[in-house]
PDB file of N, CA and C in Angstrom:
ATOM      1  N   MET A   1      51.155 -23.570  -3.098  1.00  0.00           N
ATOM      2  CA  MET A   1      50.526 -23.177  -4.343  1.00  0.00           C
ATOM      3  C   MET A   1      51.583 -22.573  -5.258  1.00  0.00           C
ATOM      4  N   LYS A   2      51.653 -23.069  -6.471  1.00  0.00           N
ATOM      5  CA  LYS A   2      52.625 -22.583  -7.436  1.00  0.00           C
ATOM      6  C   LYS A   2      52.144 -21.261  -8.032  1.00  0.00           C
ATOM      7  N   PRO A   3      53.069 -20.392  -8.467  1.00  0.00           N
ATOM      8  CA  PRO A   3      52.653 -19.135  -9.108  1.00  0.00           C
ATOM      9  C   PRO A   3      51.817 -19.354 -10.358  1.00  0.00           C
ATOM     10  N   SER A   4      52.052 -20.445 -11.089  1.00  0.00           N
ATOM     11  CA  SER A   4      51.258 -20.689 -12.296  1.00  0.00           C
ATOM     12  C   SER A   4      49.806 -21.024 -11.950  1.00  0.00           C
ATOM     13  N   ASP A   5      49.555 -21.542 -10.748  1.00  0.00           N
ATOM     14  CA  ASP A   5      48.195 -21.854 -10.325  1.00  0.00           C
ATOM     15  C   ASP A   5      47.373 -20.595 -10.096  1.00  0.00           C
ATOM     16  N   LEU A   6      48.009 -19.500  -9.768  1.00  0.00           N
ATOM     17  CA  LEU A   6      47.291 -18.264  -9.490  1.00  0.00           C
ATOM     18  C   LEU A   6      46.743 -17.610 -10.749  1.00  0.00           C
ATOM     19  N   SER A   7      47.315 -17.928 -11.905  1.00  0.00           N
ATOM     20  CA  SER A   7      46.865 -17.293 -13.132  1.00  0.00           C
ATOM     21  C   SER A   7      45.579 -17.922 -13.674  1.00  0.00           C
ATOM     22  N   LYS A   8      45.245 -19.138 -13.249  1.00  0.00           N
ATOM     23  CA  LYS A   8      44.044 -19.808 -13.730  1.00  0.00           C
ATOM     24  C   LYS A   8      42.916 -19.627 -12.711  1.00  0.00           C
ATOM     25  N   PRO A   9      41.817 -19.018 -13.119  1.00  0.00           N
ATOM     26  CA  PRO A   9      40.700 -18.898 -12.176  1.00  0.00           C
ATOM     27  C   PRO A   9      40.047 -20.255 -11.956  1.00  0.00           C
ATOM     28  N   GLU A  10      39.579 -20.485 -10.722  1.00  0.00           N
ATOM     29  CA  GLU A  10      38.913 -21.756 -10.433  1.00  0.00           C
ATOM     30  C   GLU A  10      37.516 -21.806 -11.030  1.00  0.00           C
ATOM     31  N   TYR A  11      36.822 -20.674 -11.051  1.00  0.00           N
ATOM     32  CA  TYR A  11      35.458 -20.610 -11.553  1.00  0.00           C
ATOM     33  C   TYR A  11      35.362 -19.528 -12.617  1.00  0.00           C
ATOM     34  N   THR A  12      34.491 -19.769 -13.583  1.00  0.00           N
ATOM     35  CA  THR A  12      34.220 -18.740 -14.573  1.00  0.00           C
ATOM     36  C   THR A  12      33.111 -17.835 -14.033  1.00  0.00           C
ATOM     37  N   VAL A  13      32.911 -16.715 -14.672  1.00  0.00           N
ATOM     38  CA  VAL A  13      31.853 -15.791 -14.268  1.00  0.00           C
ATOM     39  C   VAL A  13      30.495 -16.472 -14.400  1.00  0.00           C
ATOM     40  N   GLN A  14      30.315 -17.257 -15.430  1.00  0.00           N
ATOM     41  CA  GLN A  14      29.058 -17.974 -15.652  1.00  0.00           C
ATOM     42  C   GLN A  14      28.781 -18.928 -14.491  1.00  0.00           C
ATOM     43  N   GLU A  15      29.792 -19.659 -14.052  1.00  0.00           N
ATOM     44  CA  GLU A  15      29.603 -20.596 -12.940  1.00  0.00           C
ATOM     45  C   GLU A  15      29.273 -19.865 -11.647  1.00  0.00           C
ATOM     46  N   ILE A  16      29.910 -18.739 -11.418  1.00  0.00           N
ATOM     47  CA  ILE A  16      29.624 -17.949 -10.213  1.00  0.00           C
ATOM     48  C   ILE A  16      28.199 -17.434 -10.240  1.00  0.00           C
ATOM     49  N   MET A  17      27.745 -16.943 -11.395  1.00  0.00           N
ATOM     50  CA  MET A  17      26.362 -16.467 -11.512  1.00  0.00           C
ATOM     51  C   MET A  17      25.370 -17.603 -11.288  1.00  0.00           C
ATOM     52  N   GLN A  18      25.660 -18.777 -11.824  1.00  0.00           N
ATOM     53  CA  GLN A  18      24.776 -19.922 -11.609  1.00  0.00           C
ATOM     54  C   GLN A  18      24.698 -20.274 -10.125  1.00  0.00           C
ATOM     55  N   ILE A  19      25.826 -20.274  -9.445  1.00  0.00           N
ATOM     56  CA  ILE A  19      25.842 -20.575  -8.015  1.00  0.00           C
ATOM     57  C   ILE A  19      25.023 -19.549  -7.242  1.00  0.00           C
ATOM     58  N   LEU A  20      25.181 -18.270  -7.582  1.00  0.00           N
ATOM     59  CA  LEU A  20      24.431 -17.220  -6.882  1.00  0.00           C
ATOM     60  C   LEU A  20      22.927 -17.354  -7.105  1.00  0.00           C
ATOM     61  N   VAL A  21      22.514 -17.580  -8.341  1.00  0.00           N
ATOM     62  CA  VAL A  21      21.080 -17.673  -8.636  1.00  0.00           C
ATOM     63  C   VAL A  21      20.478 -18.925  -7.994  1.00  0.00           C
ATOM     64  N   ILE A  22      21.198 -20.032  -8.036  1.00  0.00           N
ATOM     65  CA  ILE A  22      20.704 -21.247  -7.386  1.00  0.00           C
ATOM     66  C   ILE A  22      20.593 -21.033  -5.877  1.00  0.00           C
ATOM     67  N   SER A  23      21.556 -20.328  -5.292  1.00  0.00           N
ATOM     68  CA  SER A  23      21.505 -20.039  -3.850  1.00  0.00           C
ATOM     69  C   SER A  23      20.321 -19.149  -3.502  1.00  0.00           C
ATOM     70  N   ILE A  24      20.039 -18.173  -4.345  1.00  0.00           N
ATOM     71  CA  ILE A  24      18.880 -17.300  -4.105  1.00  0.00           C
ATOM     72  C   ILE A  24      17.590 -18.110  -4.194  1.00  0.00           C
ATOM     73  N   GLY A  25      17.485 -18.975  -5.190  1.00  0.00           N
ATOM     74  CA  GLY A  25      16.304 -19.837  -5.315  1.00  0.00           C
ATOM     75  C   GLY A  25      16.137 -20.764  -4.127  1.00  0.00           C
ATOM     76  N   ALA A  26      17.241 -21.344  -3.666  1.00  0.00           N
ATOM     77  CA  ALA A  26      17.166 -22.232  -2.504  1.00  0.00           C
ATOM     78  C   ALA A  26      16.768 -21.457  -1.252  1.00  0.00           C
ATOM     79  N   GLY A  27      17.310 -20.272  -1.096  1.00  0.00           N
ATOM     80  CA  GLY A  27      16.942 -19.439   0.052  1.00  0.00           C
ATOM     81  C   GLY A  27      15.473 -19.067   0.038  1.00  0.00           C
ATOM     82  N   LEU A  28      14.961 -18.733  -1.130  1.00  0.00           N
ATOM     83  CA  LEU A  28      13.539 -18.412  -1.253  1.00  0.00           C
ATOM     84  C   LEU A  28      12.683 -19.627  -0.929  1.00  0.00           C
ATOM     85  N   GLY A  29      13.111 -20.792  -1.376  1.00  0.00           N
ATOM     86  CA  GLY A  29      12.381 -22.014  -1.072  1.00  0.00           C
ATOM     87  C   GLY A  29      12.359 -22.326   0.416  1.00  0.00           C
ATOM     88  N   ILE A  30      13.482 -22.141   1.084  1.00  0.00           N
ATOM     89  CA  ILE A  30      13.548 -22.373   2.534  1.00  0.00           C
ATOM     90  C   ILE A  30      12.674 -21.376   3.275  1.00  0.00           C
ATOM     91  N   TRP A  31      12.753 -20.104   2.870  1.00  0.00           N
ATOM     92  CA  TRP A  31      11.927 -19.068   3.492  1.00  0.00           C
ATOM     93  C   TRP A  31      10.440 -19.399   3.295  1.00  0.00           C
ATOM     94  N   GLY A  32      10.096 -19.884   2.114  1.00  0.00           N
ATOM     95  CA  GLY A  32       8.717 -20.266   1.842  1.00  0.00           C
ATOM     96  C   GLY A  32       8.276 -21.445   2.695  1.00  0.00           C
ATOM     97  N   ALA A  33       9.172 -22.406   2.904  1.00  0.00           N
ATOM     98  CA  ALA A  33       8.825 -23.557   3.747  1.00  0.00           C
ATOM     99  C   ALA A  33       8.562 -23.116   5.185  1.00  0.00           C
ATOM    100  N   ILE A  34       9.350 -22.188   5.670  1.00  0.00           N
ATOM    101  CA  ILE A  34       9.133 -21.667   7.024  1.00  0.00           C
ATOM    102  C   ILE A  34       7.806 -20.924   7.101  1.00  0.00           C
ATOM    103  N   THR A  35       7.509 -20.119   6.087  1.00  0.00           N
ATOM    104  CA  THR A  35       6.233 -19.396   6.051  1.00  0.00           C
ATOM    105  C   THR A  35       5.062 -20.376   5.980  1.00  0.00           C
ATOM    106  N   LEU A  36       5.223 -21.426   5.195  1.00  0.00           N
ATOM    107  CA  LEU A  36       4.182 -22.444   5.080  1.00  0.00           C
ATOM    108  C   LEU A  36       3.930 -23.116   6.434  1.00  0.00           C
ATOM    109  N   LEU A  37       4.993 -23.454   7.142  1.00  0.00           N
ATOM    110  CA  LEU A  37       4.834 -24.064   8.461  1.00  0.00           C
ATOM    111  C   LEU A  37       4.178 -23.109   9.458  1.00  0.00           C
ATOM    112  N   GLU A  38       4.529 -21.823   9.372  1.00  0.00           N
ATOM    113  CA  GLU A  38       3.870 -20.836  10.237  1.00  0.00           C
ATOM    114  C   GLU A  38       2.382 -20.739   9.920  1.00  0.00           C
ATOM    115  N   GLY A  39       2.045 -20.852   8.645  1.00  0.00           N
ATOM    116  CA  GLY A  39       0.635 -20.828   8.250  1.00  0.00           C
ATOM    117  C   GLY A  39      -0.137 -22.004   8.814  1.00  0.00           C
ATOM    118  N   TYR A  40       0.491 -23.184   8.824  1.00  0.00           N
ATOM    119  CA  TYR A  40      -0.173 -24.350   9.416  1.00  0.00           C
ATOM    120  C   TYR A  40      -0.275 -24.217  10.928  1.00  0.00           C
ATOM    121  N   GLU A  41       0.762 -23.645  11.551  1.00  0.00           N
ATOM    122  CA  GLU A  41       0.739 -23.481  13.001  1.00  0.00           C
ATOM    123  C   GLU A  41      -0.359 -22.511  13.441  1.00  0.00           C
ATOM    124  N   ASN A  42      -0.512 -21.413  12.708  1.00  0.00           N
ATOM    125  CA  ASN A  42      -1.496 -20.385  13.060  1.00  0.00           C
ATOM    126  C   ASN A  42      -2.840 -20.580  12.357  1.00  0.00           C
ATOM    127  N   GLU A  43      -2.951 -21.625  11.551  1.00  0.00           N
ATOM    128  CA  GLU A  43      -4.152 -21.884  10.758  1.00  0.00           C
ATOM    129  C   GLU A  43      -4.556 -20.665   9.925  1.00  0.00           C
ATOM    130  N   ASP A  44      -3.578 -20.094   9.250  1.00  0.00           N
ATOM    131  CA  ASP A  44      -3.770 -18.901   8.420  1.00  0.00           C
ATOM    132  C   ASP A  44      -3.628 -19.303   6.956  1.00  0.00           C
ATOM    133  N   GLU A  45      -4.739 -19.272   6.229  1.00  0.00           N
ATOM    134  CA  GLU A  45      -4.740 -19.704   4.825  1.00  0.00           C
ATOM    135  C   GLU A  45      -3.860 -18.820   3.941  1.00  0.00           C
ATOM    136  N   SER A  46      -3.810 -17.522   4.198  1.00  0.00           N
ATOM    137  CA  SER A  46      -2.999 -16.647   3.355  1.00  0.00           C
ATOM    138  C   SER A  46      -1.513 -16.937   3.537  1.00  0.00           C
ATOM    139  N   LEU A  47      -1.084 -17.252   4.755  1.00  0.00           N
ATOM    140  CA  LEU A  47       0.319 -17.622   4.968  1.00  0.00           C
ATOM    141  C   LEU A  47       0.642 -18.948   4.287  1.00  0.00           C
ATOM    142  N   LYS A  48      -0.290 -19.876   4.336  1.00  0.00           N
ATOM    143  CA  LYS A  48      -0.076 -21.161   3.667  1.00  0.00           C
ATOM    144  C   LYS A  48       0.112 -20.963   2.166  1.00  0.00           C
ATOM    145  N   ARG A  49      -0.775 -20.148   1.568  1.00  0.00           N
ATOM    146  CA  ARG A  49      -0.689 -19.889   0.126  1.00  0.00           C
ATOM    147  C   ARG A  49       0.614 -19.175  -0.234  1.00  0.00           C
ATOM    148  N   ARG A  50       0.951 -18.156   0.547  1.00  0.00           N
ATOM    149  CA  ARG A  50       2.173 -17.395   0.275  1.00  0.00           C
ATOM    150  C   ARG A  50       3.404 -18.290   0.429  1.00  0.00           C
ATOM    151  N   GLY A  51       3.400 -19.123   1.462  1.00  0.00           N
ATOM    152  CA  GLY A  51       4.528 -20.033   1.661  1.00  0.00           C
ATOM    153  C   GLY A  51       4.674 -21.031   0.531  1.00  0.00           C
ATOM    154  N   LEU A  52       3.565 -21.594   0.088  1.00  0.00           N
ATOM    155  CA  LEU A  52       3.617 -22.548  -1.016  1.00  0.00           C
ATOM    156  C   LEU A  52       4.084 -21.871  -2.305  1.00  0.00           C
ATOM    157  N   ASP A  53       3.612 -20.657  -2.550  1.00  0.00           N
ATOM    158  CA  ASP A  53       4.058 -19.917  -3.734  1.00  0.00           C
ATOM    159  C   ASP A  53       5.561 -19.651  -3.683  1.00  0.00           C
ATOM    160  N   MET A  54       6.061 -19.312  -2.505  1.00  0.00           N
ATOM    161  CA  MET A  54       7.499 -19.042  -2.363  1.00  0.00           C
ATOM    162  C   MET A  54       8.318 -20.315  -2.565  1.00  0.00           C
ATOM    163  N   VAL A  55       7.848 -21.436  -2.041  1.00  0.00           N
ATOM    164  CA  VAL A  55       8.558 -22.706  -2.235  1.00  0.00           C
ATOM    165  C   VAL A  55       8.623 -23.047  -3.719  1.00  0.00           C
ATOM    166  N   LEU A  56       7.492 -22.923  -4.406  1.00  0.00           N
ATOM    167  CA  LEU A  56       7.461 -23.249  -5.839  1.00  0.00           C
ATOM    168  C   LEU A  56       8.324 -22.287  -6.655  1.00  0.00           C
ATOM    169  N   ALA A  57       8.267 -21.003  -6.331  1.00  0.00           N
ATOM    170  CA  ALA A  57       9.079 -20.024  -7.056  1.00  0.00           C
ATOM    171  C   ALA A  57      10.567 -20.282  -6.825  1.00  0.00           C
ATOM    172  N   GLY A  58      10.945 -20.560  -5.601  1.00  0.00           N
ATOM    173  CA  GLY A  58      12.348 -20.857  -5.311  1.00  0.00           C
ATOM    174  C   GLY A  58      12.834 -22.090  -6.039  1.00  0.00           C
ATOM    175  N   GLY A  59      11.990 -23.113  -6.084  1.00  0.00           N
ATOM    176  CA  GLY A  59      12.361 -24.324  -6.817  1.00  0.00           C
ATOM    177  C   GLY A  59      12.509 -24.069  -8.307  1.00  0.00           C
ATOM    178  N   ASN A  60      11.619 -23.266  -8.861  1.00  0.00           N
ATOM    179  CA  ASN A  60      11.717 -22.936 -10.288  1.00  0.00           C
ATOM    180  C   ASN A  60      12.977 -22.138 -10.589  1.00  0.00           C
ATOM    181  N   ILE A  61      13.282 -21.171  -9.747  1.00  0.00           N
ATOM    182  CA  ILE A  61      14.486 -20.356  -9.954  1.00  0.00           C
ATOM    183  C   ILE A  61      15.731 -21.233  -9.892  1.00  0.00           C
ATOM    184  N   ALA A  62      15.809 -22.066  -8.877  1.00  0.00           N
ATOM    185  CA  ALA A  62      16.992 -22.907  -8.704  1.00  0.00           C
ATOM    186  C   ALA A  62      17.139 -23.928  -9.829  1.00  0.00           C
ATOM    187  N   SER A  63      16.037 -24.472 -10.306  1.00  0.00           N
ATOM    188  CA  SER A  63      16.140 -25.506 -11.336  1.00  0.00           C
ATOM    189  C   SER A  63      16.380 -24.932 -12.731  1.00  0.00           C
ATOM    190  N   LEU A  64      15.927 -23.716 -12.986  1.00  0.00           N
ATOM    191  CA  LEU A  64      16.093 -23.127 -14.313  1.00  0.00           C
ATOM    192  C   LEU A  64      17.375 -22.317 -14.464  1.00  0.00           C
ATOM    193  N   ALA A  65      18.048 -22.019 -13.388  1.00  0.00           N
ATOM    194  CA  ALA A  65      19.242 -21.169 -13.444  1.00  0.00           C
ATOM    195  C   ALA A  65      20.329 -21.709 -14.370  1.00  0.00           C
ATOM    196  N   PRO A  66      20.682 -22.985 -14.298  1.00  0.00           N
ATOM    197  CA  PRO A  66      21.754 -23.451 -15.189  1.00  0.00           C
ATOM    198  C   PRO A  66      21.422 -23.292 -16.672  1.00  0.00           C
ATOM    199  N   GLU A  67      20.166 -23.501 -17.058  1.00  0.00           N
ATOM    200  CA  GLU A  67      19.790 -23.368 -18.463  1.00  0.00           C
ATOM    201  C   GLU A  67      19.722 -21.910 -18.899  1.00  0.00           C
ATOM    202  N   CYS A  68      19.185 -21.057 -18.047  1.00  0.00           N
ATOM    203  CA  CYS A  68      19.007 -19.651 -18.410  1.00  0.00           C
ATOM    204  C   CYS A  68      20.325 -18.894 -18.459  1.00  0.00           C
ATOM    205  N   LEU A  69      21.305 -19.344 -17.715  1.00  0.00           N
ATOM    206  CA  LEU A  69      22.561 -18.608 -17.632  1.00  0.00           C
ATOM    207  C   LEU A  69      23.650 -19.173 -18.531  1.00  0.00           C
ATOM    208  N   ARG A  70      23.278 -20.007 -19.480  1.00  0.00           N
ATOM    209  CA  ARG A  70      24.271 -20.487 -20.448  1.00  0.00           C
ATOM    210  C   ARG A  70      24.527 -19.356 -21.447  1.00  0.00           C
ATOM    211  N   ILE A  71      25.749 -18.893 -21.459  1.00  0.00           N
ATOM    212  CA  ILE A  71      26.110 -17.744 -22.279  1.00  0.00           C
ATOM    213  C   ILE A  71      27.219 -18.167 -23.236  1.00  0.00           C
ATOM    214  N   GLU A  72      27.035 -17.889 -24.500  1.00  0.00           N
ATOM    215  CA  GLU A  72      28.082 -18.130 -25.481  1.00  0.00           C
ATOM    216  C   GLU A  72      28.988 -16.904 -25.507  1.00  0.00           C
ATOM    217  N   LEU A  73      30.204 -17.080 -25.070  1.00  0.00           N
ATOM    218  CA  LEU A  73      31.155 -15.979 -25.077  1.00  0.00           C
ATOM    219  C   LEU A  73      31.842 -15.908 -26.428  1.00  0.00           C
ATOM    220  N   PRO A  74      32.116 -14.688 -26.890  1.00  0.00           N
ATOM    221  CA  PRO A  74      32.810 -14.566 -28.178  1.00  0.00           C
ATOM    222  C   PRO A  74      34.221 -15.124 -28.075  1.00  0.00           C
ATOM    223  N   ALA A  75      34.733 -15.591 -29.202  1.00  0.00           N
ATOM    224  CA  ALA A  75      36.090 -16.124 -29.234  1.00  0.00           C
ATOM    225  C   ALA A  75      37.083 -14.990 -28.988  1.00  0.00           C
ATOM    226  N   SER A  76      38.143 -15.278 -28.261  1.00  0.00           N
ATOM    227  CA  SER A  76      39.108 -14.242 -27.929  1.00  0.00           C
ATOM    228  C   SER A  76      40.001 -13.870 -29.104  1.00  0.00           C
ATOM    229  N   ASP A  77      40.023 -14.688 -30.157  1.00  0.00           N
ATOM    230  CA  ASP A  77      40.874 -14.377 -31.311  1.00  0.00           C
ATOM    231  C   ASP A  77      40.182 -13.476 -32.324  1.00  0.00           C
ATOM    232  N   GLY A  78      38.939 -13.065 -32.046  1.00  0.00           N
ATOM    233  CA  GLY A  78      38.230 -12.145 -32.915  1.00  0.00           C
ATOM    234  C   GLY A  78      37.447 -12.825 -34.024  1.00  0.00           C
ATOM    235  N   SER A  79      37.557 -14.134 -34.141  1.00  0.00           N
ATOM    236  CA  SER A  79      36.813 -14.832 -35.188  1.00  0.00           C
ATOM    237  C   SER A  79      35.350 -14.938 -34.802  1.00  0.00           C
ATOM    238  N   ASP A  80      34.511 -14.983 -35.815  1.00  0.00           N
ATOM    239  CA  ASP A  80      33.074 -15.102 -35.588  1.00  0.00           C
ATOM    240  C   ASP A  80      32.704 -16.565 -35.670  1.00  0.00           C
ATOM    241  N   ASN A  81      32.138 -17.125 -34.602  1.00  0.00           N
ATOM    242  CA  ASN A  81      31.850 -18.558 -34.589  1.00  0.00           C
ATOM    243  C   ASN A  81      30.341 -18.820 -34.712  1.00  0.00           C
ATOM    244  N   HIS A  82      29.717 -18.329 -35.773  1.00  0.00           N
ATOM    245  CA  HIS A  82      28.297 -18.608 -36.029  1.00  0.00           C
ATOM    246  C   HIS A  82      28.144 -19.865 -36.775  1.00  0.00           C
TER     247      HIS A  82
END
């Protein structure tokens, strides 16, 4: 690795935040799928509902993260770019 390669970050803060939020949404969806399966195994309607809600919420979080986290950063030269 060249010293000049170390000065350039591989990911921006925005990309890291998107990855984190998508990962949280995916984790919630997986947790919901497991809860849903437990509800079917135990024939528990409340677990089924809670699991389905978690799957849907996780999917919504993961799919909306890239759009919600688009941030316009100010120009570094101090100019106003409206």
